[in-house]
Full PDB file with SEQRES, HELIX, SHEET, SSBOND, CRYST1, ORIGX, SCALE, CONECT and MASTER records, all heavy atoms in Angstrom:
SEQRES   1 A   34  LEU SER ARG THR SER LEU HIS GLY ARG HIS ALA ALA LEU          
SEQRES   2 A   34  GLY ALA ARG LEU GLY ALA PHE ALA GLY TRP GLU MET PRO          
SEQRES   3 A   34  LEU TYR TYR SER ALA ALA ARG ALA                              
HELIX    1 AA1 HIS A    7  ALA A   12  1                                   6    
SHEET    1 AA1 2 ARG A  16  PHE A  20  0                                        
SHEET    2 AA1 2 TRP A  23  TYR A  28 -1                                        
CRYST1    1.000    1.000    1.000  90.00  90.00  90.00 P 1           1          
ORIGX1      1.000000  0.000000  0.000000        0.00000                         
ORIGX2      0.000000  1.000000  0.000000        0.00000                         
ORIGX3      0.000000  0.000000  1.000000        0.00000                         
SCALE1      1.000000  0.000000  0.000000        0.00000                         
SCALE2      0.000000  1.000000  0.000000        0.00000                         
SCALE3      0.000000  0.000000  1.000000        0.00000                         
ATOM      1  N   LEU A   1      89.568  95.015 104.876  1.00  0.00           N  
ATOM      2  CA  LEU A   1      88.639  96.010 105.386  1.00  0.00           C  
ATOM      3  C   LEU A   1      87.223  95.705 104.928  1.00  0.00           C  
ATOM      4  O   LEU A   1      86.997  95.291 103.797  1.00  0.00           O  
ATOM      5  CB  LEU A   1      89.037  97.402 104.903  1.00  0.00           C  
ATOM      6  CG  LEU A   1      90.388  97.941 105.385  1.00  0.00           C  
ATOM      7  CD1 LEU A   1      90.693  99.272 104.701  1.00  0.00           C  
ATOM      8  CD2 LEU A   1      90.407  98.099 106.897  1.00  0.00           C  
ATOM      9  N   SER A   2      86.270  95.910 105.835  1.00  0.00           N  
ATOM     10  CA  SER A   2      84.864  95.753 105.476  1.00  0.00           C  
ATOM     11  C   SER A   2      84.420  96.949 104.639  1.00  0.00           C  
ATOM     12  O   SER A   2      85.005  98.032 104.710  1.00  0.00           O  
ATOM     13  CB  SER A   2      83.999  95.661 106.735  1.00  0.00           C  
ATOM     14  OG  SER A   2      84.356  94.537 107.514  1.00  0.00           O  
ATOM     15  N   ARG A   3      83.372  96.741 103.858  1.00  0.00           N  
ATOM     16  CA  ARG A   3      82.824  97.802 103.024  1.00  0.00           C  
ATOM     17  C   ARG A   3      81.328  97.940 103.272  1.00  0.00           C  
ATOM     18  O   ARG A   3      80.635  96.942 103.457  1.00  0.00           O  
ATOM     19  CB  ARG A   3      83.085  97.519 101.543  1.00  0.00           C  
ATOM     20  CG  ARG A   3      84.556  97.589 101.159  1.00  0.00           C  
ATOM     21  CD  ARG A   3      84.759  97.210  99.698  1.00  0.00           C  
ATOM     22  NE  ARG A   3      86.135  97.447  99.258  1.00  0.00           N  
ATOM     23  CZ  ARG A   3      86.587  97.187  98.030  1.00  0.00           C  
ATOM     24  NH1 ARG A   3      85.754  96.657  97.124  1.00  0.00           N  
ATOM     25  NH2 ARG A   3      87.838  97.439  97.720  1.00  0.00           N  
ATOM     26  N   THR A   4      80.840  99.160 103.229  1.00  0.00           N  
ATOM     27  CA  THR A   4      79.404  99.369 103.360  1.00  0.00           C  
ATOM     28  C   THR A   4      78.726  99.102 102.015  1.00  0.00           C  
ATOM     29  O   THR A   4      79.383  98.965 100.978  1.00  0.00           O  
ATOM     30  CB  THR A   4      79.089 100.811 103.812  1.00  0.00           C  
ATOM     31  OG1 THR A   4      79.250 101.706 102.702  1.00  0.00           O  
ATOM     32  CG2 THR A   4      79.994 101.256 104.950  1.00  0.00           C  
ATOM     33  N   SER A   5      77.420  99.056 102.018  1.00  0.00           N  
ATOM     34  CA  SER A   5      76.680  98.810 100.774  1.00  0.00           C  
ATOM     35  C   SER A   5      76.753 100.001  99.820  1.00  0.00           C  
ATOM     36  O   SER A   5      76.293  99.916  98.683  1.00  0.00           O  
ATOM     37  CB  SER A   5      75.211  98.492 101.087  1.00  0.00           C  
ATOM     38  OG  SER A   5      74.600  99.538 101.810  1.00  0.00           O  
ATOM     39  N   LEU A   6      77.360 101.111 100.264  1.00  0.00           N  
ATOM     40  CA  LEU A   6      77.506 102.300  99.430  1.00  0.00           C  
ATOM     41  C   LEU A   6      78.913 102.436  98.845  1.00  0.00           C  
ATOM     42  O   LEU A   6      79.231 103.470  98.243  1.00  0.00           O  
ATOM     43  CB  LEU A   6      77.175 103.557 100.246  1.00  0.00           C  
ATOM     44  CG  LEU A   6      75.702 103.706 100.619  1.00  0.00           C  
ATOM     45  CD1 LEU A   6      75.525 104.830 101.640  1.00  0.00           C  
ATOM     46  CD2 LEU A   6      74.857 103.979  99.389  1.00  0.00           C  
ATOM     47  N   HIS A   7      79.737 101.420  99.007  1.00  0.00           N  
ATOM     48  CA  HIS A   7      81.115 101.519  98.538  1.00  0.00           C  
ATOM     49  C   HIS A   7      81.186 101.874  97.051  1.00  0.00           C  
ATOM     50  O   HIS A   7      81.995 102.715  96.631  1.00  0.00           O  
ATOM     51  CB  HIS A   7      81.866 100.211  98.806  1.00  0.00           C  
ATOM     52  CG  HIS A   7      83.302 100.263  98.381  1.00  0.00           C  
ATOM     53  ND1 HIS A   7      83.716  99.889  97.120  1.00  0.00           N  
ATOM     54  CD2 HIS A   7      84.409 100.652  99.045  1.00  0.00           C  
ATOM     55  CE1 HIS A   7      85.028 100.050  97.028  1.00  0.00           C  
ATOM     56  NE2 HIS A   7      85.471 100.513  98.183  1.00  0.00           N  
ATOM     57  N   GLY A   8      80.349 101.253  96.245  1.00  0.00           N  
ATOM     58  CA  GLY A   8      80.345 101.548  94.812  1.00  0.00           C  
ATOM     59  C   GLY A   8      79.982 102.992  94.517  1.00  0.00           C  
ATOM     60  O   GLY A   8      80.544 103.613  93.598  1.00  0.00           O  
ATOM     61  N   ARG A   9      79.049 103.559  95.293  1.00  0.00           N  
ATOM     62  CA  ARG A   9      78.683 104.959  95.114  1.00  0.00           C  
ATOM     63  C   ARG A   9      79.864 105.864  95.444  1.00  0.00           C  
ATOM     64  O   ARG A   9      80.133 106.842  94.736  1.00  0.00           O  
ATOM     65  CB  ARG A   9      77.490 105.327  96.009  1.00  0.00           C  
ATOM     66  CG  ARG A   9      76.193 104.580  95.719  1.00  0.00           C  
ATOM     67  CD  ARG A   9      75.658 104.903  94.336  1.00  0.00           C  
ATOM     68  NE  ARG A   9      74.282 104.517  94.151  1.00  0.00           N  
ATOM     69  CZ  ARG A   9      73.860 103.304  93.784  1.00  0.00           C  
ATOM     70  NH1 ARG A   9      74.746 102.334  93.575  1.00  0.00           N  
ATOM     71  NH2 ARG A   9      72.568 103.049  93.623  1.00  0.00           N  
ATOM     72  N   HIS A  10      80.574 105.553  96.513  1.00  0.00           N  
ATOM     73  CA  HIS A  10      81.721 106.373  96.906  1.00  0.00           C  
ATOM     74  C   HIS A  10      82.817 106.325  95.831  1.00  0.00           C  
ATOM     75  O   HIS A  10      83.393 107.357  95.474  1.00  0.00           O  
ATOM     76  CB  HIS A  10      82.283 105.892  98.241  1.00  0.00           C  
ATOM     77  CG  HIS A  10      81.281 105.876  99.350  1.00  0.00           C  
ATOM     78  ND1 HIS A  10      80.354 106.880  99.523  1.00  0.00           N  
ATOM     79  CD2 HIS A  10      81.057 104.978 100.355  1.00  0.00           C  
ATOM     80  CE1 HIS A  10      79.596 106.600 100.577  1.00  0.00           C  
ATOM     81  NE2 HIS A  10      80.008 105.461 101.093  1.00  0.00           N  
ATOM     82  N   ALA A  11      83.081 105.137  95.339  1.00  0.00           N  
ATOM     83  CA  ALA A  11      84.115 104.989  94.311  1.00  0.00           C  
ATOM     84  C   ALA A  11      83.736 105.754  93.050  1.00  0.00           C  
ATOM     85  O   ALA A  11      84.577 106.414  92.418  1.00  0.00           O  
ATOM     86  CB  ALA A  11      84.342 103.508  94.008  1.00  0.00           C  
ATOM     87  N   ALA A  12      82.451 105.685  92.661  1.00  0.00           N  
ATOM     88  CA  ALA A  12      82.007 106.371  91.450  1.00  0.00           C  
ATOM     89  C   ALA A  12      82.127 107.883  91.576  1.00  0.00           C  
ATOM     90  O   ALA A  12      82.328 108.589  90.575  1.00  0.00           O  
ATOM     91  CB  ALA A  12      80.558 105.985  91.150  1.00  0.00           C  
ATOM     92  N   LEU A  13      82.037 108.398  92.811  1.00  0.00           N  
ATOM     93  CA  LEU A  13      82.166 109.832  93.041  1.00  0.00           C  
ATOM     94  C   LEU A  13      83.621 110.261  93.196  1.00  0.00           C  
ATOM     95  O   LEU A  13      83.905 111.444  93.421  1.00  0.00           O  
ATOM     96  CB  LEU A  13      81.380 110.231  94.300  1.00  0.00           C  
ATOM     97  CG  LEU A  13      79.854 110.226  94.172  1.00  0.00           C  
ATOM     98  CD1 LEU A  13      79.203 110.364  95.540  1.00  0.00           C  
ATOM     99  CD2 LEU A  13      79.388 111.347  93.248  1.00  0.00           C  
ATOM    100  N   GLY A  14      84.532 109.318  93.100  1.00  0.00           N  
ATOM    101  CA  GLY A  14      85.951 109.640  93.215  1.00  0.00           C  
ATOM    102  C   GLY A  14      86.406 109.903  94.627  1.00  0.00           C  
ATOM    103  O   GLY A  14      87.386 110.630  94.848  1.00  0.00           O  
ATOM    104  N   ALA A  15      85.733 109.303  95.610  1.00  0.00           N  
ATOM    105  CA  ALA A  15      86.079 109.543  97.009  1.00  0.00           C  
ATOM    106  C   ALA A  15      87.485 109.059  97.327  1.00  0.00           C  
ATOM    107  O   ALA A  15      87.941 108.035  96.808  1.00  0.00           O  
ATOM    108  CB  ALA A  15      85.082 108.850  97.928  1.00  0.00           C  
ATOM    109  N   ARG A  16      88.163 109.796  98.176  1.00  0.00           N  
ATOM    110  CA  ARG A  16      89.422 109.315  98.753  1.00  0.00           C  
ATOM    111  C   ARG A  16      89.033 108.384  99.895  1.00  0.00           C  
ATOM    112  O   ARG A  16      88.444 108.807 100.888  1.00  0.00           O  
ATOM    113  CB  ARG A  16      90.257 110.481  99.267  1.00  0.00           C  
ATOM    114  CG  ARG A  16      91.502 110.070 100.050  1.00  0.00           C  
ATOM    115  CD  ARG A  16      92.533 109.373  99.176  1.00  0.00           C  
ATOM    116  NE  ARG A  16      93.699 108.974  99.948  1.00  0.00           N  
ATOM    117  CZ  ARG A  16      94.758 109.755 100.164  1.00  0.00           C  
ATOM    118  NH1 ARG A  16      94.765 111.000  99.676  1.00  0.00           N  
ATOM    119  NH2 ARG A  16      95.779 109.328 100.854  1.00  0.00           N  
ATOM    120  N   LEU A  17      89.340 107.103  99.745  1.00  0.00           N  
ATOM    121  CA  LEU A  17      88.938 106.098 100.715  1.00  0.00           C  
ATOM    122  C   LEU A  17      90.090 105.791 101.654  1.00  0.00           C  
ATOM    123  O   LEU A  17      91.270 105.853 101.267  1.00  0.00           O  
ATOM    124  CB  LEU A  17      88.481 104.832 100.003  1.00  0.00           C  
ATOM    125  CG  LEU A  17      87.267 105.002  99.076  1.00  0.00           C  
ATOM    126  CD1 LEU A  17      87.119 103.807  98.154  1.00  0.00           C  
ATOM    127  CD2 LEU A  17      86.000 105.206  99.896  1.00  0.00           C  
ATOM    128  N   GLY A  18      89.774 105.452 102.895  1.00  0.00           N  
ATOM    129  CA  GLY A  18      90.794 105.122 103.871  1.00  0.00           C  
ATOM    130  C   GLY A  18      90.253 104.201 104.935  1.00  0.00           C  
ATOM    131  O   GLY A  18      89.039 104.018 105.069  1.00  0.00           O  
ATOM    132  N   ALA A  19      91.149 103.607 105.695  1.00  0.00           N  
ATOM    133  CA  ALA A  19      90.766 102.677 106.757  1.00  0.00           C  
ATOM    134  C   ALA A  19      90.266 103.440 107.970  1.00  0.00           C  
ATOM    135  O   ALA A  19      90.867 104.424 108.402  1.00  0.00           O  
ATOM    136  CB  ALA A  19      91.956 101.806 107.130  1.00  0.00           C  
ATOM    137  N   PHE A  20      89.136 102.973 108.531  1.00  0.00           N  
ATOM    138  CA  PHE A  20      88.605 103.548 109.757  1.00  0.00           C  
ATOM    139  C   PHE A  20      87.873 102.455 110.524  1.00  0.00           C  
ATOM    140  O   PHE A  20      86.868 101.924 110.045  1.00  0.00           O  
ATOM    141  CB  PHE A  20      87.650 104.714 109.466  1.00  0.00           C  
ATOM    142  CG  PHE A  20      87.147 105.403 110.705  1.00  0.00           C  
ATOM    143  CD1 PHE A  20      87.913 106.374 111.336  1.00  0.00           C  
ATOM    144  CD2 PHE A  20      85.924 105.066 111.249  1.00  0.00           C  
ATOM    145  CE1 PHE A  20      87.467 106.994 112.490  1.00  0.00           C  
ATOM    146  CE2 PHE A  20      85.461 105.684 112.403  1.00  0.00           C  
ATOM    147  CZ  PHE A  20      86.238 106.655 113.025  1.00  0.00           C  
ATOM    148  N   ALA A  21      88.407 102.086 111.683  1.00  0.00           N  
ATOM    149  CA  ALA A  21      87.775 101.099 112.564  1.00  0.00           C  
ATOM    150  C   ALA A  21      87.454  99.794 111.839  1.00  0.00           C  
ATOM    151  O   ALA A  21      86.418  99.177 112.071  1.00  0.00           O  
ATOM    152  CB  ALA A  21      86.508 101.673 113.199  1.00  0.00           C  
ATOM    153  N   GLY A  22      88.367  99.370 110.954  1.00  0.00           N  
ATOM    154  CA  GLY A  22      88.177  98.112 110.253  1.00  0.00           C  
ATOM    155  C   GLY A  22      87.349  98.211 108.988  1.00  0.00           C  
ATOM    156  O   GLY A  22      87.074  97.195 108.349  1.00  0.00           O  
ATOM    157  N   TRP A  23      86.963  99.435 108.606  1.00  0.00           N  
ATOM    158  CA  TRP A  23      86.137  99.653 107.422  1.00  0.00           C  
ATOM    159  C   TRP A  23      86.877 100.527 106.421  1.00  0.00           C  
ATOM    160  O   TRP A  23      87.679 101.387 106.807  1.00  0.00           O  
ATOM    161  CB  TRP A  23      84.829 100.354 107.801  1.00  0.00           C  
ATOM    162  CG  TRP A  23      83.909  99.498 108.611  1.00  0.00           C  
ATOM    163  CD1 TRP A  23      83.993  99.256 109.952  1.00  0.00           C  
ATOM    164  CD2 TRP A  23      82.779  98.768 108.149  1.00  0.00           C  
ATOM    165  NE1 TRP A  23      82.969  98.416 110.351  1.00  0.00           N  
ATOM    166  CE2 TRP A  23      82.215  98.096 109.260  1.00  0.00           C  
ATOM    167  CE3 TRP A  23      82.180  98.612 106.898  1.00  0.00           C  
ATOM    168  CZ2 TRP A  23      81.086  97.297 109.163  1.00  0.00           C  
ATOM    169  CZ3 TRP A  23      81.049  97.819 106.795  1.00  0.00           C  
ATOM    170  CH2 TRP A  23      80.513  97.162 107.918  1.00  0.00           C  
ATOM    171  N   GLU A  24      86.597 100.336 105.143  1.00  0.00           N  
ATOM    172  CA  GLU A  24      87.097 101.225 104.110  1.00  0.00           C  
ATOM    173  C   GLU A  24      86.033 102.295 103.886  1.00  0.00           C  
ATOM    174  O   GLU A  24      84.962 102.006 103.345  1.00  0.00           O  
ATOM    175  CB  GLU A  24      87.378 100.467 102.813  1.00  0.00           C  
ATOM    176  CG  GLU A  24      88.063 101.319 101.764  1.00  0.00           C  
ATOM    177  CD  GLU A  24      88.418 100.543 100.510  1.00  0.00           C  
ATOM    178  OE1 GLU A  24      87.768  99.506 100.234  1.00  0.00           O  
ATOM    179  OE2 GLU A  24      89.344 100.982  99.799  1.00  0.00           O  
ATOM    180  N   MET A  25      86.337 103.518 104.324  1.00  0.00           N  
ATOM    181  CA  MET A  25      85.329 104.574 104.359  1.00  0.00           C  
ATOM    182  C   MET A  25      85.772 105.790 103.554  1.00  0.00           C  
ATOM    183  O   MET A  25      86.973 106.041 103.390  1.00  0.00           O  
ATOM    184  CB  MET A  25      85.076 104.993 105.819  1.00  0.00           C  
ATOM    185  CG  MET A  25      84.529 103.886 106.704  1.00  0.00           C  
ATOM    186  SD  MET A  25      82.902 103.299 106.176  1.00  0.00           S  
ATOM    187  CE  MET A  25      81.897 104.751 106.447  1.00  0.00           C  
ATOM    188  N   PRO A  26      84.821 106.581 103.066  1.00  0.00           N  
ATOM    189  CA  PRO A  26      85.174 107.812 102.342  1.00  0.00           C  
ATOM    190  C   PRO A  26      85.689 108.878 103.303  1.00  0.00           C  
ATOM    191  O   PRO A  26      84.979 109.271 104.238  1.00  0.00           O  
ATOM    192  CB  PRO A  26      83.858 108.236 101.695  1.00  0.00           C  
ATOM    193  CG  PRO A  26      82.798 107.651 102.581  1.00  0.00           C  
ATOM    194  CD  PRO A  26      83.359 106.360 103.105  1.00  0.00           C  
ATOM    195  N   LEU A  27      86.917 109.315 103.087  1.00  0.00           N  
ATOM    196  CA  LEU A  27      87.482 110.380 103.914  1.00  0.00           C  
ATOM    197  C   LEU A  27      87.018 111.742 103.400  1.00  0.00           C  
ATOM    198  O   LEU A  27      86.664 112.620 104.184  1.00  0.00           O  
ATOM    199  CB  LEU A  27      88.997 110.295 103.910  1.00  0.00           C  
ATOM    200  CG  LEU A  27      89.579 108.950 104.371  1.00  0.00           C  
ATOM    201  CD1 LEU A  27      91.095 108.980 104.318  1.00  0.00           C  
ATOM    202  CD2 LEU A  27      89.088 108.599 105.776  1.00  0.00           C  
ATOM    203  N   TYR A  28      87.031 111.920 102.100  1.00  0.00           N  
ATOM    204  CA  TYR A  28      86.481 113.108 101.470  1.00  0.00           C  
ATOM    205  C   TYR A  28      86.255 112.809  99.998  1.00  0.00           C  
ATOM    206  O   TYR A  28      86.753 111.824  99.455  1.00  0.00           O  
ATOM    207  CB  TYR A  28      87.390 114.332 101.647  1.00  0.00           C  
ATOM    208  CG  TYR A  28      88.788 114.165 101.124  1.00  0.00           C  
ATOM    209  CD1 TYR A  28      89.109 114.430  99.791  1.00  0.00           C  
ATOM    210  CD2 TYR A  28      89.819 113.754 101.968  1.00  0.00           C  
ATOM    211  CE1 TYR A  28      90.396 114.273  99.316  1.00  0.00           C  
ATOM    212  CE2 TYR A  28      91.115 113.597 101.496  1.00  0.00           C  
ATOM    213  CZ  TYR A  28      91.397 113.856 100.180  1.00  0.00           C  
ATOM    214  OH  TYR A  28      92.668 113.695  99.698  1.00  0.00           O  
ATOM    215  N   TYR A  29      85.483 113.645  99.341  1.00  0.00           N  
ATOM    216  CA  TYR A  29      85.158 113.463  97.926  1.00  0.00           C  
ATOM    217  C   TYR A  29      85.917 114.477  97.075  1.00  0.00           C  
ATOM    218  O   TYR A  29      86.772 114.123  96.283  1.00  0.00           O  
ATOM    219  CB  TYR A  29      83.647 113.582  97.711  1.00  0.00           C  
ATOM    220  CG  TYR A  29      82.881 112.504  98.453  1.00  0.00           C  
ATOM    221  CD1 TYR A  29      82.493 112.698  99.777  1.00  0.00           C  
ATOM    222  CD2 TYR A  29      82.580 111.289  97.846  1.00  0.00           C  
ATOM    223  CE1 TYR A  29      81.804 111.714 100.472  1.00  0.00           C  
ATOM    224  CE2 TYR A  29      81.895 110.300  98.532  1.00  0.00           C  
ATOM    225  CZ  TYR A  29      81.518 110.509  99.845  1.00  0.00           C  
ATOM    226  OH  TYR A  29      80.856 109.532 100.533  1.00  0.00           O  
ATOM    227  N   SER A  30      85.615 115.740  97.228  1.00  0.00           N  
ATOM    228  CA  SER A  30      86.338 116.780  96.483  1.00  0.00           C  
ATOM    229  C   SER A  30      87.369 117.439  97.388  1.00  0.00           C  
ATOM    230  O   SER A  30      88.567 117.363  97.159  1.00  0.00           O  
ATOM    231  CB  SER A  30      85.358 117.810  95.923  1.00  0.00           C  
ATOM    232  OG  SER A  30      84.575 118.370  96.964  1.00  0.00           O  
ATOM    233  N   ALA A  31      86.890 118.048  98.473  1.00  0.00           N  
ATOM    234  CA  ALA A  31      87.761 118.702  99.447  1.00  0.00           C  
ATOM    235  C   ALA A  31      87.027 118.733 100.780  1.00  0.00           C  
ATOM    236  O   ALA A  31      85.862 119.148 100.847  1.00  0.00           O  
ATOM    237  CB  ALA A  31      88.113 120.114  98.992  1.00  0.00           C  
ATOM    238  N   ALA A  32      87.694 118.316 101.833  1.00  0.00           N  
ATOM    239  CA  ALA A  32      87.053 118.224 103.142  1.00  0.00           C  
ATOM    240  C   ALA A  32      86.555 119.578 103.633  1.00  0.00           C  
ATOM    241  O   ALA A  32      85.498 119.683 104.260  1.00  0.00           O  
ATOM    242  CB  ALA A  32      88.023 117.618 104.152  1.00  0.00           C  
ATOM    243  N   ARG A  33      87.303 120.633 103.348  1.00  0.00           N  
ATOM    244  CA  ARG A  33      86.904 121.962 103.798  1.00  0.00           C  
ATOM    245  C   ARG A  33      85.589 122.390 103.140  1.00  0.00           C  
ATOM    246  O   ARG A  33      84.703 122.948 103.796  1.00  0.00           O  
ATOM    247  CB  ARG A  33      88.023 122.953 103.475  1.00  0.00           C  
ATOM    248  CG  ARG A  33      87.880 124.325 104.111  1.00  0.00           C  
ATOM    249  CD  ARG A  33      89.089 125.188 103.745  1.00  0.00           C  
ATOM    250  NE  ARG A  33      89.038 126.507 104.349  1.00  0.00           N  
ATOM    251  CZ  ARG A  33      89.537 126.812 105.535  1.00  0.00           C  
ATOM    252  NH1 ARG A  33      90.145 125.878 106.262  1.00  0.00           N  
ATOM    253  NH2 ARG A  33      89.450 128.042 106.011  1.00  0.00           N  
ATOM    254  N   ALA A  34      85.446 122.106 101.846  1.00  0.00           N  
ATOM    255  CA  ALA A  34      84.207 122.443 101.148  1.00  0.00           C  
ATOM    256  C   ALA A  34      83.036 121.623 101.672  1.00  0.00           C  
ATOM    257  O   ALA A  34      81.908 122.125 101.788  1.00  0.00           O  
ATOM    258  CB  ALA A  34      84.375 122.222  99.646  1.00  0.00           C  
TER     259      ALA A  34                                                      
MASTER        0    0    0    1    2    0    0    6  258    1    0    3          
END                                                                             
């Protein structure tokens, strides 16, 4: 999976990462509803 230049920021925030259109993207950080 490709990663954006913000991947490190997402990981540091504890994001739940997942595959989307060939990219590893943040699905949510704390809770999607919030």
